[in-house]
Amino acid sequence: GNAAPLASLMGIAGLVELIGGLLIALGFLTSYAAFIASGQMAVAYFKA
């Protein structure tokens, strides 16, 4: 892949995916992380 600038929409998406994915995998604050990740994927679908 290609690294996106952190201060961009793709950079923010990358942060949500990396941090949220790790929180979900570890099972820490899972419901919150999964809800945010779900919303991000809904936005990604309708935007892209």
All heavy atoms as atom14 arrays in JSON, in Angstrom:
{
  "sequence": "GNAAPLASLMGIAGLVELIGGLLIALGFLTSYAAFIASGQMAVAYFKA",
  "atom14_mask": [
    [1, 1, 1, 1, 0, 0, 0, 0, 0, 0, 0, 0, 0, 0],
    [1, 1, 1, 1, 1, 1, 1, 1, 0, 0, 0, 0, 0, 0],
    [1, 1, 1, 1, 1, 0, 0, 0, 0, 0, 0, 0, 0, 0],
    [1, 1, 1, 1, 1, 0, 0, 0, 0, 0, 0, 0, 0, 0],
    [1, 1, 1, 1, 1, 1, 1, 0, 0, 0, 0, 0, 0, 0],
    [1, 1, 1, 1, 1, 1, 1, 1, 0, 0, 0, 0, 0, 0],
    [1, 1, 1, 1, 1, 0, 0, 0, 0, 0, 0, 0, 0, 0],
    [1, 1, 1, 1, 1, 1, 0, 0, 0, 0, 0, 0, 0, 0],
    [1, 1, 1, 1, 1, 1, 1, 1, 0, 0, 0, 0, 0, 0],
    [1, 1, 1, 1, 1, 1, 1, 1, 0, 0, 0, 0, 0, 0],
    [1, 1, 1, 1, 0, 0, 0, 0, 0, 0, 0, 0, 0, 0],
    [1, 1, 1, 1, 1, 1, 1, 1, 0, 0, 0, 0, 0, 0],
    [1, 1, 1, 1, 1, 0, 0, 0, 0, 0, 0, 0, 0, 0],
    [1, 1, 1, 1, 0, 0, 0, 0, 0, 0, 0, 0, 0, 0],
    [1, 1, 1, 1, 1, 1, 1, 1, 0, 0, 0, 0, 0, 0],
    [1, 1, 1, 1, 1, 1, 1, 0, 0, 0, 0, 0, 0, 0],
    [1, 1, 1, 1, 1, 1, 1, 1, 1, 0, 0, 0, 0, 0],
    [1, 1, 1, 1, 1, 1, 1, 1, 0, 0, 0, 0, 0, 0],
    [1, 1, 1, 1, 1, 1, 1, 1, 0, 0, 0, 0, 0, 0],
    [1, 1, 1, 1, 0, 0, 0, 0, 0, 0, 0, 0, 0, 0],
    [1, 1, 1, 1, 0, 0, 0, 0, 0, 0, 0, 0, 0, 0],
    [1, 1, 1, 1, 1, 1, 1, 1, 0, 0, 0, 0, 0, 0],
    [1, 1, 1, 1, 1, 1, 1, 1, 0, 0, 0, 0, 0, 0],
    [1, 1, 1, 1, 1, 1, 1, 1, 0, 0, 0, 0, 0, 0],
    [1, 1, 1, 1, 1, 0, 0, 0, 0, 0, 0, 0, 0, 0],
    [1, 1, 1, 1, 1, 1, 1, 1, 0, 0, 0, 0, 0, 0],
    [1, 1, 1, 1, 0, 0, 0, 0, 0, 0, 0, 0, 0, 0],
    [1, 1, 1, 1, 1, 1, 1, 1, 1, 1, 1, 0, 0, 0],
    [1, 1, 1, 1, 1, 1, 1, 1, 0, 0, 0, 0, 0, 0],
    [1, 1, 1, 1, 1, 1, 1, 0, 0, 0, 0, 0, 0, 0],
    [1, 1, 1, 1, 1, 1, 0, 0, 0, 0, 0, 0, 0, 0],
    [1, 1, 1, 1, 1, 1, 1, 1, 1, 1, 1, 1, 0, 0],
    [1, 1, 1, 1, 1, 0, 0, 0, 0, 0, 0, 0, 0, 0],
    [1, 1, 1, 1, 1, 0, 0, 0, 0, 0, 0, 0, 0, 0],
    [1, 1, 1, 1, 1, 1, 1, 1, 1, 1, 1, 0, 0, 0],
    [1, 1, 1, 1, 1, 1, 1, 1, 0, 0, 0, 0, 0, 0],
    [1, 1, 1, 1, 1, 0, 0, 0, 0, 0, 0, 0, 0, 0],
    [1, 1, 1, 1, 1, 1, 0, 0, 0, 0, 0, 0, 0, 0],
    [1, 1, 1, 1, 0, 0, 0, 0, 0, 0, 0, 0, 0, 0],
    [1, 1, 1, 1, 1, 1, 1, 1, 1, 0, 0, 0, 0, 0],
    [1, 1, 1, 1, 1, 1, 1, 1, 0, 0, 0, 0, 0, 0],
    [1, 1, 1, 1, 1, 0, 0, 0, 0, 0, 0, 0, 0, 0],
    [1, 1, 1, 1, 1, 1, 1, 0, 0, 0, 0, 0, 0, 0],
    [1, 1, 1, 1, 1, 0, 0, 0, 0, 0, 0, 0, 0, 0],
    [1, 1, 1, 1, 1, 1, 1, 1, 1, 1, 1, 1, 0, 0],
    [1, 1, 1, 1, 1, 1, 1, 1, 1, 1, 1, 0, 0, 0],
    [1, 1, 1, 1, 1, 1, 1, 1, 1, 0, 0, 0, 0, 0],
    [1, 1, 1, 1, 1, 0, 0, 0, 0, 0, 0, 0, 0, 0]
  ],
  "atom14_positions": [
    [[0.81, -1.21, 0.0], [0.0, 0.0, 0.0], [0.84, 1.26, 0.0], [2.06, 1.21, -0.13], [0.0, 0.0, 0.0], [0.0, 0.0, 0.0], [0.0, 0.0, 0.0], [0.0, 0.0, 0.0], [0.0, 0.0, 0.0], [0.0, 0.0, 0.0], [0.0, 0.0, 0.0], [0.0, 0.0, 0.0], [0.0, 0.0, 0.0], [0.0, 0.0, 0.0]],
    [[0.17, 2.38, 0.15], [0.83, 3.68, 0.2], [0.45, 4.37, 1.5], [-0.73, 4.4, 1.86], [0.39, 4.56, -0.98], [0.8, 3.96, -2.32], [1.93, 3.53, -2.47], [-0.11, 3.93, -3.27], [0.0, 0.0, 0.0], [0.0, 0.0, 0.0], [0.0, 0.0, 0.0], [0.0, 0.0, 0.0], [0.0, 0.0, 0.0], [0.0, 0.0, 0.0]],
    [[1.43, 4.95, 2.16], [1.15, 5.67, 3.4], [0.45, 6.98, 3.08], [0.84, 7.7, 2.17], [2.45, 5.93, 4.16], [0.0, 0.0, 0.0], [0.0, 0.0, 0.0], [0.0, 0.0, 0.0], [0.0, 0.0, 0.0], [0.0, 0.0, 0.0], [0.0, 0.0, 0.0], [0.0, 0.0, 0.0], [0.0, 0.0, 0.0], [0.0, 0.0, 0.0]],
    [[-0.6, 7.26, 3.83], [-1.34, 8.51, 3.67], [-0.86, 9.51, 4.7], [-0.44, 9.12, 5.79], [-2.84, 8.25, 3.85], [0.0, 0.0, 0.0], [0.0, 0.0, 0.0], [0.0, 0.0, 0.0], [0.0, 0.0, 0.0], [0.0, 0.0, 0.0], [0.0, 0.0, 0.0], [0.0, 0.0, 0.0], [0.0, 0.0, 0.0], [0.0, 0.0, 0.0]],
    [[-0.91, 10.8, 4.39], [-0.56, 11.79, 5.41], [-1.51, 11.67, 6.59], [-2.72, 11.46, 6.42], [-0.76, 13.13, 4.69], [-0.8, 12.82, 3.24], [-1.26, 11.41, 3.11], [0.0, 0.0, 0.0], [0.0, 0.0, 0.0], [0.0, 0.0, 0.0], [0.0, 0.0, 0.0], [0.0, 0.0, 0.0], [0.0, 0.0, 0.0], [0.0, 0.0, 0.0]],
    [[-0.96, 11.78, 7.79], [-1.77, 11.62, 9.0], [-2.89, 12.65, 9.07], [-3.99, 12.33, 9.51], [-0.87, 11.73, 10.23], [-1.47, 11.29, 11.55], [-1.98, 9.87, 11.48], [-0.44, 11.43, 12.66], [0.0, 0.0, 0.0], [0.0, 0.0, 0.0], [0.0, 0.0, 0.0], [0.0, 0.0, 0.0], [0.0, 0.0, 0.0], [0.0, 0.0, 0.0]],
    [[-2.64, 13.86, 8.61], [-3.64, 14.92, 8.66], [-4.49, 14.92, 7.39], [-4.71, 15.96, 6.78], [-2.96, 16.27, 8.85], [0.0, 0.0, 0.0], [0.0, 0.0, 0.0], [0.0, 0.0, 0.0], [0.0, 0.0, 0.0], [0.0, 0.0, 0.0], [0.0, 0.0, 0.0], [0.0, 0.0, 0.0], [0.0, 0.0, 0.0], [0.0, 0.0, 0.0]],
    [[-4.97, 13.74, 7.01], [-5.85, 13.61, 5.85], [-6.99, 12.67, 6.24], [-6.93, 11.99, 7.26], [-5.09, 13.05, 4.65], [-4.72, 11.7, 4.87], [0.0, 0.0, 0.0], [0.0, 0.0, 0.0], [0.0, 0.0, 0.0], [0.0, 0.0, 0.0], [0.0, 0.0, 0.0], [0.0, 0.0, 0.0], [0.0, 0.0, 0.0], [0.0, 0.0, 0.0]],
    [[-7.99, 12.61, 5.39], [-9.11, 11.71, 5.65], [-8.64, 10.25, 5.71], [-9.04, 9.49, 6.59], [-10.18, 11.88, 4.56], [-11.55, 11.29, 4.85], [-12.13, 11.84, 6.14], [-12.49, 11.57, 3.69], [0.0, 0.0, 0.0], [0.0, 0.0, 0.0], [0.0, 0.0, 0.0], [0.0, 0.0, 0.0], [0.0, 0.0, 0.0], [0.0, 0.0, 0.0]],
    [[-7.75, 9.87, 4.81], [-7.21, 8.5, 4.82], [-6.31, 8.28, 6.03], [-6.28, 7.18, 6.58], [-6.44, 8.22, 3.53], [-7.33, 8.12, 2.32], [-8.56, 6.83, 2.44], [-7.61, 5.46, 1.9], [0.0, 0.0, 0.0], [0.0, 0.0, 0.0], [0.0, 0.0, 0.0], [0.0, 0.0, 0.0], [0.0, 0.0, 0.0], [0.0, 0.0, 0.0]],
    [[-5.6, 9.29, 6.47], [-4.77, 9.17, 7.67], [-5.61, 8.95, 8.92], [-5.3, 8.1, 9.76], [0.0, 0.0, 0.0], [0.0, 0.0, 0.0], [0.0, 0.0, 0.0], [0.0, 0.0, 0.0], [0.0, 0.0, 0.0], [0.0, 0.0, 0.0], [0.0, 0.0, 0.0], [0.0, 0.0, 0.0], [0.0, 0.0, 0.0], [0.0, 0.0, 0.0]],
    [[-6.7, 9.7, 9.03], [-7.62, 9.53, 10.16], [-8.26, 8.14, 10.09], [-8.38, 7.45, 11.11], [-8.71, 10.63, 10.17], [-8.08, 12.01, 10.26], [-9.72, 10.39, 11.28], [-7.35, 12.3, 11.53], [0.0, 0.0, 0.0], [0.0, 0.0, 0.0], [0.0, 0.0, 0.0], [0.0, 0.0, 0.0], [0.0, 0.0, 0.0], [0.0, 0.0, 0.0]],
    [[-8.65, 7.73, 8.88], [-9.23, 6.39, 8.72], [-8.22, 5.33, 9.14], [-8.57, 4.35, 9.81], [-9.66, 6.17, 7.26], [0.0, 0.0, 0.0], [0.0, 0.0, 0.0], [0.0, 0.0, 0.0], [0.0, 0.0, 0.0], [0.0, 0.0, 0.0], [0.0, 0.0, 0.0], [0.0, 0.0, 0.0], [0.0, 0.0, 0.0], [0.0, 0.0, 0.0]],
    [[-6.96, 5.52, 8.78], [-5.91, 4.59, 9.17], [-5.76, 4.5, 10.68], [-5.57, 3.41, 11.23], [0.0, 0.0, 0.0], [0.0, 0.0, 0.0], [0.0, 0.0, 0.0], [0.0, 0.0, 0.0], [0.0, 0.0, 0.0], [0.0, 0.0, 0.0], [0.0, 0.0, 0.0], [0.0, 0.0, 0.0], [0.0, 0.0, 0.0], [0.0, 0.0, 0.0]],
    [[-5.84, 5.63, 11.36], [-5.77, 5.63, 12.82], [-6.94, 4.87, 13.44], [-6.74, 4.06, 14.36], [-5.76, 7.06, 13.36], [-4.44, 7.79, 13.36], [-4.63, 9.24, 13.8], [-3.44, 7.1, 14.25], [0.0, 0.0, 0.0], [0.0, 0.0, 0.0], [0.0, 0.0, 0.0], [0.0, 0.0, 0.0], [0.0, 0.0, 0.0], [0.0, 0.0, 0.0]],
    [[-8.14, 5.15, 12.95], [-9.32, 4.45, 13.46], [-9.18, 2.95, 13.22], [-9.48, 2.13, 14.11], [-10.62, 5.0, 12.82], [-11.82, 4.12, 13.16], [-10.86, 6.43, 13.26], [0.0, 0.0, 0.0], [0.0, 0.0, 0.0], [0.0, 0.0, 0.0], [0.0, 0.0, 0.0], [0.0, 0.0, 0.0], [0.0, 0.0, 0.0], [0.0, 0.0, 0.0]],
    [[-8.72, 2.57, 12.05], [-8.59, 1.16, 11.71], [-7.51, 0.48, 12.55], [-7.74, -0.62, 13.07], [-8.3, 0.99, 10.22], [-9.49, 1.37, 9.37], [-9.15, 1.51, 7.89], [-7.98, 1.25, 7.5], [-10.05, 1.89, 7.12], [0.0, 0.0, 0.0], [0.0, 0.0, 0.0], [0.0, 0.0, 0.0], [0.0, 0.0, 0.0], [0.0, 0.0, 0.0]],
    [[-6.36, 1.11, 12.69], [-5.27, 0.49, 13.45], [-5.61, 0.4, 14.93], [-5.57, -0.68, 15.52], [-3.97, 1.27, 13.24], [-2.76, 0.72, 14.0], [-2.41, -0.68, 13.52], [-1.57, 1.65, 13.83], [0.0, 0.0, 0.0], [0.0, 0.0, 0.0], [0.0, 0.0, 0.0], [0.0, 0.0, 0.0], [0.0, 0.0, 0.0], [0.0, 0.0, 0.0]],
    [[-5.97, 1.52, 15.52], [-6.26, 1.53, 16.96], [-7.54, 0.76, 17.26], [-7.58, -0.07, 18.17], [-6.33, 2.98, 17.48], [-4.95, 3.64, 17.37], [-6.82, 3.01, 18.92], [-4.94, 5.14, 17.58], [0.0, 0.0, 0.0], [0.0, 0.0, 0.0], [0.0, 0.0, 0.0], [0.0, 0.0, 0.0], [0.0, 0.0, 0.0], [0.0, 0.0, 0.0]],
    [[-8.59, 1.02, 16.48], [-9.86, 0.32, 16.69], [-9.71, -1.17, 16.49], [-10.23, -1.97, 17.27], [0.0, 0.0, 0.0], [0.0, 0.0, 0.0], [0.0, 0.0, 0.0], [0.0, 0.0, 0.0], [0.0, 0.0, 0.0], [0.0, 0.0, 0.0], [0.0, 0.0, 0.0], [0.0, 0.0, 0.0], [0.0, 0.0, 0.0], [0.0, 0.0, 0.0]],
    [[-9.0, -1.58, 15.46], [-8.79, -3.0, 15.2], [-8.05, -3.69, 16.33], [-8.4, -4.79, 16.74], [0.0, 0.0, 0.0], [0.0, 0.0, 0.0], [0.0, 0.0, 0.0], [0.0, 0.0, 0.0], [0.0, 0.0, 0.0], [0.0, 0.0, 0.0], [0.0, 0.0, 0.0], [0.0, 0.0, 0.0], [0.0, 0.0, 0.0], [0.0, 0.0, 0.0]],
    [[-7.02, -3.02, 16.85], [-6.28, -3.6, 17.97], [-7.13, -3.68, 19.23], [-7.08, -4.67, 19.97], [-4.99, -2.81, 18.23], [-3.93, -2.93, 17.13], [-2.75, -2.0, 17.42], [-3.46, -4.37, 16.97], [0.0, 0.0, 0.0], [0.0, 0.0, 0.0], [0.0, 0.0, 0.0], [0.0, 0.0, 0.0], [0.0, 0.0, 0.0], [0.0, 0.0, 0.0]],
    [[-7.92, -2.63, 19.49], [-8.82, -2.67, 20.66], [-9.84, -3.81, 20.53], [-10.11, -4.52, 21.5], [-9.54, -1.34, 20.83], [-8.69, -0.16, 21.31], [-9.51, 1.13, 21.26], [-8.16, -0.41, 22.7], [0.0, 0.0, 0.0], [0.0, 0.0, 0.0], [0.0, 0.0, 0.0], [0.0, 0.0, 0.0], [0.0, 0.0, 0.0], [0.0, 0.0, 0.0]],
    [[-10.38, -3.99, 19.34], [-11.34, -5.06, 19.11], [-10.65, -6.42, 19.28], [-11.18, -7.31, 19.95], [-11.99, -4.92, 17.72], [-12.89, -3.68, 17.68], [-12.78, -6.19, 17.35], [-13.32, -3.25, 16.29], [0.0, 0.0, 0.0], [0.0, 0.0, 0.0], [0.0, 0.0, 0.0], [0.0, 0.0, 0.0], [0.0, 0.0, 0.0], [0.0, 0.0, 0.0]],
    [[-9.48, -6.58, 18.7], [-8.76, -7.86, 18.81], [-8.4, -8.18, 20.25], [-8.52, -9.33, 20.69], [-7.5, -7.82, 17.95], [0.0, 0.0, 0.0], [0.0, 0.0, 0.0], [0.0, 0.0, 0.0], [0.0, 0.0, 0.0], [0.0, 0.0, 0.0], [0.0, 0.0, 0.0], [0.0, 0.0, 0.0], [0.0, 0.0, 0.0], [0.0, 0.0, 0.0]],
    [[-7.97, -7.18, 21.01], [-7.61, -7.39, 22.41], [-8.83, -7.52, 23.31], [-8.72, -8.01, 24.44], [-6.73, -6.25, 22.91], [-5.34, -6.16, 22.29], [-4.66, -4.86, 22.7], [-4.51, -7.36, 22.68], [0.0, 0.0, 0.0], [0.0, 0.0, 0.0], [0.0, 0.0, 0.0], [0.0, 0.0, 0.0], [0.0, 0.0, 0.0], [0.0, 0.0, 0.0]],
    [[-9.96, -7.06, 22.82], [-11.16, -7.11, 23.64], [-11.15, -6.06, 24.73], [-11.61, -6.29, 25.84], [0.0, 0.0, 0.0], [0.0, 0.0, 0.0], [0.0, 0.0, 0.0], [0.0, 0.0, 0.0], [0.0, 0.0, 0.0], [0.0, 0.0, 0.0], [0.0, 0.0, 0.0], [0.0, 0.0, 0.0], [0.0, 0.0, 0.0], [0.0, 0.0, 0.0]],
    [[-10.64, -4.88, 24.42], [-10.59, -3.77, 25.38], [-11.43, -2.63, 24.85], [-11.2, -2.16, 23.73], [-9.14, -3.32, 25.6], [-9.0, -2.25, 26.63], [-9.29, -2.51, 27.95], [-8.57, -0.99, 26.27], [-9.16, -1.52, 28.91], [-8.43, 0.0, 27.22], [-8.73, -0.26, 28.55], [0.0, 0.0, 0.0], [0.0, 0.0, 0.0], [0.0, 0.0, 0.0]],
    [[-12.41, -2.19, 25.64], [-13.37, -1.17, 25.19], [-14.0, -1.59, 23.86], [-14.21, -0.77, 22.96], [-12.69, 0.2, 25.08], [-12.03, 0.76, 26.34], [-11.26, 2.02, 26.03], [-13.07, 1.0, 27.43], [0.0, 0.0, 0.0], [0.0, 0.0, 0.0], [0.0, 0.0, 0.0], [0.0, 0.0, 0.0], [0.0, 0.0, 0.0], [0.0, 0.0, 0.0]],
    [[-14.28, -2.85, 23.76], [-14.68, -3.47, 22.51], [-15.93, -2.85, 21.9], [-15.95, -2.56, 20.7], [-14.91, -4.98, 22.72], [-13.74, -5.51, 23.34], [-15.16, -5.68, 21.42], [0.0, 0.0, 0.0], [0.0, 0.0, 0.0], [0.0, 0.0, 0.0], [0.0, 0.0, 0.0], [0.0, 0.0, 0.0], [0.0, 0.0, 0.0], [0.0, 0.0, 0.0]],
    [[-16.96, -2.68, 22.7], [-18.22, -2.16, 22.14], [-18.05, -0.77, 21.57], [-18.57, -0.46, 20.49], [-19.31, -2.16, 23.21], [-19.68, -3.48, 23.54], [0.0, 0.0, 0.0], [0.0, 0.0, 0.0], [0.0, 0.0, 0.0], [0.0, 0.0, 0.0], [0.0, 0.0, 0.0], [0.0, 0.0, 0.0], [0.0, 0.0, 0.0], [0.0, 0.0, 0.0]],
    [[-17.28, 0.08, 22.25], [-17.05, 1.44, 21.75], [-16.23, 1.42, 20.47], [-16.56, 2.08, 19.49], [-16.34, 2.28, 22.81], [-17.14, 2.45, 24.08], [-16.75, 1.81, 25.25], [-18.29, 3.22, 24.11], [-17.48, 1.95, 26.42], [-19.03, 3.37, 25.28], [-18.62, 2.74, 26.42], [-19.34, 2.88, 27.58], [0.0, 0.0, 0.0], [0.0, 0.0, 0.0]],
    [[-15.13, 0.65, 20.5], [-14.26, 0.58, 19.32], [-15.01, 0.0, 18.13], [-14.87, 0.51, 17.0], [-13.02, -0.26, 19.64], [0.0, 0.0, 0.0], [0.0, 0.0, 0.0], [0.0, 0.0, 0.0], [0.0, 0.0, 0.0], [0.0, 0.0, 0.0], [0.0, 0.0, 0.0], [0.0, 0.0, 0.0], [0.0, 0.0, 0.0], [0.0, 0.0, 0.0]],
    [[-15.79, -1.04, 18.35], [-16.52, -1.67, 17.25], [-17.6, -0.75, 16.7], [-17.84, -0.72, 15.49], [-17.12, -3.0, 17.71], [0.0, 0.0, 0.0], [0.0, 0.0, 0.0], [0.0, 0.0, 0.0], [0.0, 0.0, 0.0], [0.0, 0.0, 0.0], [0.0, 0.0, 0.0], [0.0, 0.0, 0.0], [0.0, 0.0, 0.0], [0.0, 0.0, 0.0]],
    [[-18.26, 0.01, 17.57], [-19.29, 0.94, 17.11], [-18.67, 2.03, 16.23], [-19.2, 2.36, 15.16], [-20.01, 1.56, 18.3], [-21.18, 2.41, 17.9], [-22.35, 1.84, 17.45], [-21.09, 3.8, 17.97], [-23.43, 2.64, 17.07], [-22.15, 4.59, 17.6], [-23.33, 4.02, 17.15], [0.0, 0.0, 0.0], [0.0, 0.0, 0.0], [0.0, 0.0, 0.0]],
    [[-17.53, 2.56, 16.64], [-16.83, 3.58, 15.85], [-16.36, 2.98, 14.53], [-16.5, 3.6, 13.46], [-15.67, 4.19, 16.65], [-16.24, 5.03, 17.8], [-14.75, 5.03, 15.75], [-15.22, 5.44, 18.84], [0.0, 0.0, 0.0], [0.0, 0.0, 0.0], [0.0, 0.0, 0.0], [0.0, 0.0, 0.0], [0.0, 0.0, 0.0], [0.0, 0.0, 0.0]],
    [[-15.8, 1.77, 14.57], [-15.34, 1.1, 13.35], [-16.5, 0.84, 12.4], [-16.37, 1.01, 11.18], [-14.62, -0.2, 13.7], [0.0, 0.0, 0.0], [0.0, 0.0, 0.0], [0.0, 0.0, 0.0], [0.0, 0.0, 0.0], [0.0, 0.0, 0.0], [0.0, 0.0, 0.0], [0.0, 0.0, 0.0], [0.0, 0.0, 0.0], [0.0, 0.0, 0.0]],
    [[-17.64, 0.44, 12.94], [-18.83, 0.21, 12.12], [-19.25, 1.5, 11.41], [-19.54, 1.5, 10.21], [-19.97, -0.31, 12.99], [-21.16, -0.41, 12.25], [0.0, 0.0, 0.0], [0.0, 0.0, 0.0], [0.0, 0.0, 0.0], [0.0, 0.0, 0.0], [0.0, 0.0, 0.0], [0.0, 0.0, 0.0], [0.0, 0.0, 0.0], [0.0, 0.0, 0.0]],
    [[-19.26, 2.59, 12.15], [-19.61, 3.88, 11.56], [-18.63, 4.3, 10.49], [-19.03, 4.82, 9.44], [0.0, 0.0, 0.0], [0.0, 0.0, 0.0], [0.0, 0.0, 0.0], [0.0, 0.0, 0.0], [0.0, 0.0, 0.0], [0.0, 0.0, 0.0], [0.0, 0.0, 0.0], [0.0, 0.0, 0.0], [0.0, 0.0, 0.0], [0.0, 0.0, 0.0]],
    [[-17.35, 4.06, 10.74], [-16.35, 4.41, 9.73], [-16.58, 3.63, 8.45], [-16.47, 4.15, 7.35], [-14.94, 4.16, 10.24], [-13.91, 4.55, 9.19], [-12.56, 3.94, 9.4], [-12.27, 3.39, 10.45], [-11.72, 4.01, 8.39], [0.0, 0.0, 0.0], [0.0, 0.0, 0.0], [0.0, 0.0, 0.0], [0.0, 0.0, 0.0], [0.0, 0.0, 0.0]],
    [[-16.91, 2.35, 8.58], [-17.13, 1.53, 7.39], [-18.4, 1.96, 6.64], [-18.44, 1.91, 5.42], [-17.2, 0.05, 7.76], [-15.86, -0.54, 8.14], [-14.69, -0.63, 6.76], [-13.82, 0.92, 6.89], [0.0, 0.0, 0.0], [0.0, 0.0, 0.0], [0.0, 0.0, 0.0], [0.0, 0.0, 0.0], [0.0, 0.0, 0.0], [0.0, 0.0, 0.0]],
    [[-19.41, 2.41, 7.37], [-20.61, 2.93, 6.71], [-20.26, 4.19, 5.91], [-20.66, 4.34, 4.75], [-21.7, 3.23, 7.74], [0.0, 0.0, 0.0], [0.0, 0.0, 0.0], [0.0, 0.0, 0.0], [0.0, 0.0, 0.0], [0.0, 0.0, 0.0], [0.0, 0.0, 0.0], [0.0, 0.0, 0.0], [0.0, 0.0, 0.0], [0.0, 0.0, 0.0]],
    [[-19.5, 5.08, 6.52], [-19.07, 6.3, 5.82], [-18.2, 5.94, 4.62], [-18.37, 6.49, 3.52], [-18.32, 7.25, 6.79], [-17.64, 8.38, 6.03], [-19.28, 7.8, 7.83], [0.0, 0.0, 0.0], [0.0, 0.0, 0.0], [0.0, 0.0, 0.0], [0.0, 0.0, 0.0], [0.0, 0.0, 0.0], [0.0, 0.0, 0.0], [0.0, 0.0, 0.0]],
    [[-17.28, 5.01, 4.8], [-16.4, 4.6, 3.69], [-17.23, 4.05, 2.53], [-16.95, 4.36, 1.37], [-15.41, 3.54, 4.17], [0.0, 0.0, 0.0], [0.0, 0.0, 0.0], [0.0, 0.0, 0.0], [0.0, 0.0, 0.0], [0.0, 0.0, 0.0], [0.0, 0.0, 0.0], [0.0, 0.0, 0.0], [0.0, 0.0, 0.0], [0.0, 0.0, 0.0]],
    [[-18.24, 3.25, 2.86], [-19.07, 2.7, 1.79], [-19.78, 3.81, 1.02], [-19.73, 3.86, -0.21], [-20.09, 1.69, 2.32], [-20.96, 1.18, 1.21], [-20.48, 0.23, 0.33], [-22.23, 1.72, 0.98], [-21.25, -0.21, -0.74], [-23.0, 1.29, -0.08], [-22.5, 0.33, -0.94], [-23.25, -0.09, -2.01], [0.0, 0.0, 0.0], [0.0, 0.0, 0.0]],
    [[-20.46, 4.7, 1.75], [-21.26, 5.72, 1.07], [-20.41, 6.8, 0.41], [-20.81, 7.39, -0.58], [-22.29, 6.32, 2.02], [-23.42, 5.38, 2.29], [-23.55, 4.77, 3.52], [-24.34, 5.06, 1.3], [-24.58, 3.87, 3.77], [-25.37, 4.17, 1.53], [-25.49, 3.57, 2.76], [0.0, 0.0, 0.0], [0.0, 0.0, 0.0], [0.0, 0.0, 0.0]],
    [[-19.22, 7.03, 0.93], [-18.35, 8.06, 0.35], [-17.55, 7.52, -0.84], [-17.42, 8.18, -1.85], [-17.41, 8.6, 1.41], [-16.57, 9.76, 0.96], [-15.95, 10.46, 2.14], [-15.05, 11.59, 1.75], [-15.64, 12.6, 0.91], [0.0, 0.0, 0.0], [0.0, 0.0, 0.0], [0.0, 0.0, 0.0], [0.0, 0.0, 0.0], [0.0, 0.0, 0.0]],
    [[-17.0, 6.31, -0.71], [-16.09, 5.81, -1.74], [-16.73, 4.81, -2.7], [-16.32, 4.75, -3.86], [-14.88, 5.15, -1.07], [0.0, 0.0, 0.0], [0.0, 0.0, 0.0], [0.0, 0.0, 0.0], [0.0, 0.0, 0.0], [0.0, 0.0, 0.0], [0.0, 0.0, 0.0], [0.0, 0.0, 0.0], [0.0, 0.0, 0.0], [0.0, 0.0, 0.0]]
  ]
}
